[in-house]
Amino acid sequence: MLLYEELSNNILQAYFNVFKHLTTGLLESVYENALCIEFDEIGIPYERQKLS
């Protein structure tokens, strides 16, 4: 059992949606942007990559 099972499932669903539409071979930044859009749509809070 996962500690945050619902959140984990939502994150995985967002990942699979991005992969389904973009497949492979693009820049990391493209996937990052697409994943941020997915997170926004399903209401998952996030922070983009940042320096320490």
N, C-alpha and C. Protein backbone atom coordinates (compact mmCIF):
# COMPACT_ATOMS: atom_id res chain seq x y z
N MET A 1 0.84 -1.17 0.00
CA MET A 1 0.00 0.00 0.00
C MET A 1 0.89 1.24 0.00
N LEU A 2 0.55 2.18 -0.85
CA LEU A 2 1.31 3.42 -0.95
C LEU A 2 0.84 4.41 0.11
N LEU A 3 1.75 5.25 0.56
CA LEU A 3 1.41 6.27 1.55
C LEU A 3 0.43 7.28 0.98
N TYR A 4 0.67 7.72 -0.25
CA TYR A 4 -0.20 8.68 -0.93
C TYR A 4 -0.70 8.04 -2.22
N GLU A 5 -1.51 7.02 -2.07
CA GLU A 5 -1.93 6.21 -3.22
C GLU A 5 -2.68 7.03 -4.27
N GLU A 6 -3.63 7.85 -3.87
CA GLU A 6 -4.41 8.63 -4.83
C GLU A 6 -3.52 9.62 -5.59
N LEU A 7 -2.66 10.32 -4.87
CA LEU A 7 -1.74 11.26 -5.50
C LEU A 7 -0.80 10.53 -6.46
N SER A 8 -0.27 9.41 -6.02
CA SER A 8 0.63 8.62 -6.87
C SER A 8 -0.07 8.18 -8.15
N ASN A 9 -1.30 7.73 -8.02
CA ASN A 9 -2.06 7.31 -9.21
C ASN A 9 -2.31 8.48 -10.15
N ASN A 10 -2.61 9.64 -9.60
CA ASN A 10 -2.84 10.82 -10.43
C ASN A 10 -1.57 11.25 -11.16
N ILE A 11 -0.44 11.18 -10.48
CA ILE A 11 0.84 11.53 -11.11
C ILE A 11 1.15 10.55 -12.24
N LEU A 12 0.95 9.27 -12.00
CA LEU A 12 1.19 8.27 -13.04
C LEU A 12 0.26 8.47 -14.23
N GLN A 13 -0.99 8.79 -13.95
CA GLN A 13 -1.94 9.04 -15.04
C GLN A 13 -1.50 10.23 -15.88
N ALA A 14 -1.03 11.28 -15.23
CA ALA A 14 -0.52 12.45 -15.95
C ALA A 14 0.67 12.05 -16.83
N TYR A 15 1.58 11.28 -16.28
CA TYR A 15 2.75 10.82 -17.04
C TYR A 15 2.31 10.02 -18.27
N PHE A 16 1.39 9.08 -18.09
CA PHE A 16 0.96 8.25 -19.21
C PHE A 16 0.23 9.08 -20.27
N ASN A 17 -0.52 10.09 -19.85
CA ASN A 17 -1.17 10.97 -20.82
C ASN A 17 -0.14 11.71 -21.67
N VAL A 18 0.90 12.21 -21.02
CA VAL A 18 1.96 12.90 -21.75
C VAL A 18 2.65 11.94 -22.71
N PHE A 19 3.01 10.77 -22.23
CA PHE A 19 3.72 9.81 -23.07
C PHE A 19 2.86 9.37 -24.25
N LYS A 20 1.56 9.17 -24.01
CA LYS A 20 0.64 8.72 -25.06
C LYS A 20 0.59 9.74 -26.21
N HIS A 21 0.63 11.02 -25.87
CA HIS A 21 0.50 12.04 -26.90
C HIS A 21 1.84 12.45 -27.52
N LEU A 22 2.93 12.33 -26.79
CA LEU A 22 4.21 12.82 -27.29
C LEU A 22 5.19 11.71 -27.68
N THR A 23 4.98 10.51 -27.19
CA THR A 23 5.88 9.37 -27.37
C THR A 23 7.31 9.74 -26.98
N THR A 24 8.31 9.35 -27.78
CA THR A 24 9.70 9.56 -27.38
C THR A 24 10.44 10.45 -28.36
N GLY A 25 11.65 10.87 -27.97
CA GLY A 25 12.54 11.56 -28.87
C GLY A 25 12.53 13.08 -28.80
N LEU A 26 11.81 13.65 -27.86
CA LEU A 26 11.76 15.10 -27.74
C LEU A 26 12.68 15.57 -26.62
N LEU A 27 12.88 16.87 -26.55
CA LEU A 27 13.70 17.43 -25.49
C LEU A 27 13.00 17.28 -24.14
N GLU A 28 13.80 17.18 -23.09
CA GLU A 28 13.25 17.05 -21.73
C GLU A 28 12.31 18.21 -21.40
N SER A 29 12.64 19.40 -21.87
CA SER A 29 11.81 20.57 -21.56
C SER A 29 10.40 20.44 -22.13
N VAL A 30 10.27 19.75 -23.25
CA VAL A 30 8.95 19.54 -23.86
C VAL A 30 8.10 18.66 -22.94
N TYR A 31 8.70 17.59 -22.44
CA TYR A 31 7.98 16.70 -21.52
C TYR A 31 7.65 17.42 -20.22
N GLU A 32 8.58 18.23 -19.73
CA GLU A 32 8.34 18.98 -18.50
C GLU A 32 7.16 19.93 -18.67
N ASN A 33 7.13 20.66 -19.77
CA ASN A 33 6.02 21.58 -20.03
C ASN A 33 4.69 20.83 -20.13
N ALA A 34 4.70 19.72 -20.84
CA ALA A 34 3.47 18.94 -21.00
C ALA A 34 3.00 18.38 -19.66
N LEU A 35 3.92 17.92 -18.84
CA LEU A 35 3.55 17.38 -17.54
C LEU A 35 3.00 18.48 -16.64
N CYS A 36 3.55 19.68 -16.72
CA CYS A 36 3.03 20.80 -15.94
C CYS A 36 1.60 21.13 -16.36
N ILE A 37 1.33 21.06 -17.65
CA ILE A 37 -0.03 21.29 -18.13
C ILE A 37 -0.97 20.23 -17.56
N GLU A 38 -0.56 18.99 -17.59
CA GLU A 38 -1.37 17.91 -17.03
C GLU A 38 -1.62 18.12 -15.54
N PHE A 39 -0.57 18.47 -14.80
CA PHE A 39 -0.73 18.73 -13.37
C PHE A 39 -1.71 19.86 -13.12
N ASP A 40 -1.61 20.93 -13.91
CA ASP A 40 -2.54 22.05 -13.76
C ASP A 40 -3.98 21.59 -13.98
N GLU A 41 -4.19 20.78 -15.00
CA GLU A 41 -5.54 20.34 -15.35
C GLU A 41 -6.17 19.47 -14.27
N ILE A 42 -5.35 18.67 -13.59
CA ILE A 42 -5.94 17.79 -12.57
C ILE A 42 -5.71 18.30 -11.15
N GLY A 43 -5.11 19.48 -11.03
CA GLY A 43 -5.00 20.12 -9.73
C GLY A 43 -3.89 19.61 -8.82
N ILE A 44 -2.82 19.12 -9.40
CA ILE A 44 -1.68 18.67 -8.59
C ILE A 44 -0.71 19.84 -8.45
N PRO A 45 -0.44 20.28 -7.22
CA PRO A 45 0.53 21.36 -7.05
C PRO A 45 1.95 20.85 -7.32
N TYR A 46 2.79 21.72 -7.86
CA TYR A 46 4.16 21.33 -8.20
C TYR A 46 5.04 22.57 -8.25
N GLU A 47 6.33 22.34 -8.25
CA GLU A 47 7.32 23.38 -8.49
C GLU A 47 8.22 22.89 -9.60
N ARG A 48 8.49 23.76 -10.55
CA ARG A 48 9.42 23.39 -11.62
C ARG A 48 10.82 23.24 -11.06
N GLN A 49 11.71 22.72 -11.87
CA GLN A 49 13.09 22.55 -11.43
C GLN A 49 13.64 23.88 -10.94
N LYS A 50 14.34 23.81 -9.84
CA LYS A 50 14.95 25.04 -9.33
C LYS A 50 16.30 24.72 -8.73
N LEU A 51 17.15 25.71 -8.69
CA LEU A 51 18.48 25.53 -8.11
C LEU A 51 18.39 25.59 -6.61
N SER A 52 19.28 24.91 -5.95
CA SER A 52 19.28 24.87 -4.48
C SER A 52 19.59 26.20 -3.87
